[in-house]
Amino acid sequence: MTSKTSSTPATGTSAASQGSHMWVLTLEMPGRAMTTQYGTWTPPAGSSRFDVFMAIRGHVAAQQPEMAGANTIFFSLEPNQL
């Protein structure tokens, strides 16, 4: 089983230059592969949580086509502020 992690780099940037939300998504092809990716993003106005989930899942599948049919193990979308 392989595992990959990638991100939208935010090192050395201010919160204002990052997206409004921070996300984490883990997908798994049971017994074959798993990937966890994370980053920040500002969704378009009026977006639902489902819209954002589908857009992020599509982004990950575009980067890793083998994960297009994977099971979602974990998804988190939170405001990018403390």
Protein backbone atom coordinates (compact mmCIF):
# COMPACT_ATOMS: atom_id res chain seq x y z
CA MET A 1 0.00 0.00 0.00
CA THR A 2 1.39 3.41 -0.91
CA SER A 3 0.69 6.72 0.75
CA LYS A 4 1.23 10.20 -0.63
CA THR A 5 0.85 13.58 1.00
CA SER A 6 0.84 16.91 -0.75
CA SER A 7 -0.27 20.41 0.04
CA THR A 8 -0.84 23.91 -1.10
CA PRO A 9 2.28 25.47 0.47
CA ALA A 10 1.64 28.23 2.95
CA THR A 11 5.11 28.54 4.48
CA GLY A 12 6.08 32.13 5.07
CA THR A 13 2.72 33.54 3.94
CA SER A 14 0.24 35.53 5.96
CA ALA A 15 -3.27 34.25 6.65
CA ALA A 16 -4.60 37.03 4.42
CA SER A 17 -2.75 35.60 1.41
CA GLN A 18 -4.04 32.07 2.09
CA GLY A 19 -7.52 30.78 1.31
CA SER A 20 -10.46 31.41 3.60
CA HIS A 21 -10.73 27.68 4.45
CA MET A 22 -8.26 24.91 5.28
CA TRP A 23 -9.03 21.41 4.01
CA VAL A 24 -7.76 17.85 4.49
CA LEU A 25 -8.86 14.91 2.32
CA THR A 26 -7.82 11.26 2.62
CA LEU A 27 -8.79 8.79 -0.11
CA GLU A 28 -8.12 5.03 -0.17
CA MET A 29 -8.20 2.26 -2.73
CA PRO A 30 -8.46 -0.64 -0.25
CA GLY A 31 -5.34 -2.78 -0.27
CA ARG A 32 -3.75 -0.74 -3.06
CA ALA A 33 -3.16 2.93 -2.29
CA MET A 34 -3.99 5.80 0.03
CA THR A 35 -3.42 9.53 -0.32
CA THR A 36 -3.84 12.46 2.04
CA GLN A 37 -3.74 15.98 0.65
CA TYR A 38 -4.35 19.32 2.32
CA GLY A 39 -4.32 22.99 1.54
CA THR A 40 -6.20 26.26 1.71
CA TRP A 41 -8.86 27.60 -0.64
CA THR A 42 -11.45 30.34 -0.91
CA PRO A 43 -14.62 28.77 -2.34
CA PRO A 44 -16.79 30.80 -4.73
CA ALA A 45 -19.58 32.79 -3.05
CA GLY A 46 -22.67 30.68 -2.44
CA SER A 47 -20.81 27.35 -2.47
CA SER A 48 -22.12 24.57 -0.26
CA ARG A 49 -19.92 22.23 1.74
CA PHE A 50 -20.82 19.49 -0.79
CA ASP A 51 -19.76 21.74 -3.70
CA VAL A 52 -16.39 22.30 -2.05
CA PHE A 53 -15.96 18.59 -1.26
CA MET A 54 -16.66 17.64 -4.88
CA ALA A 55 -14.31 20.33 -6.23
CA ILE A 56 -11.47 19.25 -3.92
CA ARG A 57 -12.06 15.57 -4.67
CA GLY A 58 -11.96 16.40 -8.38
CA HIS A 59 -8.70 18.31 -7.87
CA VAL A 60 -7.11 15.33 -6.12
CA ALA A 61 -8.37 12.91 -8.80
CA ALA A 62 -6.95 15.16 -11.53
CA GLN A 63 -3.54 14.98 -9.84
CA GLN A 64 -3.82 11.24 -9.16
CA PRO A 65 -6.22 9.66 -11.68
CA GLU A 66 -5.92 6.26 -10.00
CA MET A 67 -7.77 7.77 -6.99
CA ALA A 68 -10.86 8.84 -9.00
CA GLY A 69 -12.90 5.88 -7.72
CA ALA A 70 -11.36 5.76 -4.24
CA ASN A 71 -13.26 5.68 -0.96
CA THR A 72 -13.29 8.86 1.10
CA ILE A 73 -11.74 8.05 4.48
CA PHE A 74 -11.57 11.57 5.89
CA PHE A 75 -12.64 15.07 4.86
CA SER A 76 -12.34 18.25 6.88
CA LEU A 77 -13.16 21.82 5.83
CA GLU A 78 -12.72 24.54 8.42
CA PRO A 79 -12.39 28.31 8.42
CA ASN A 80 -8.70 29.19 8.11
CA GLN A 81 -8.47 31.29 11.25
CA LEU A 82 -7.76 30.80 14.93
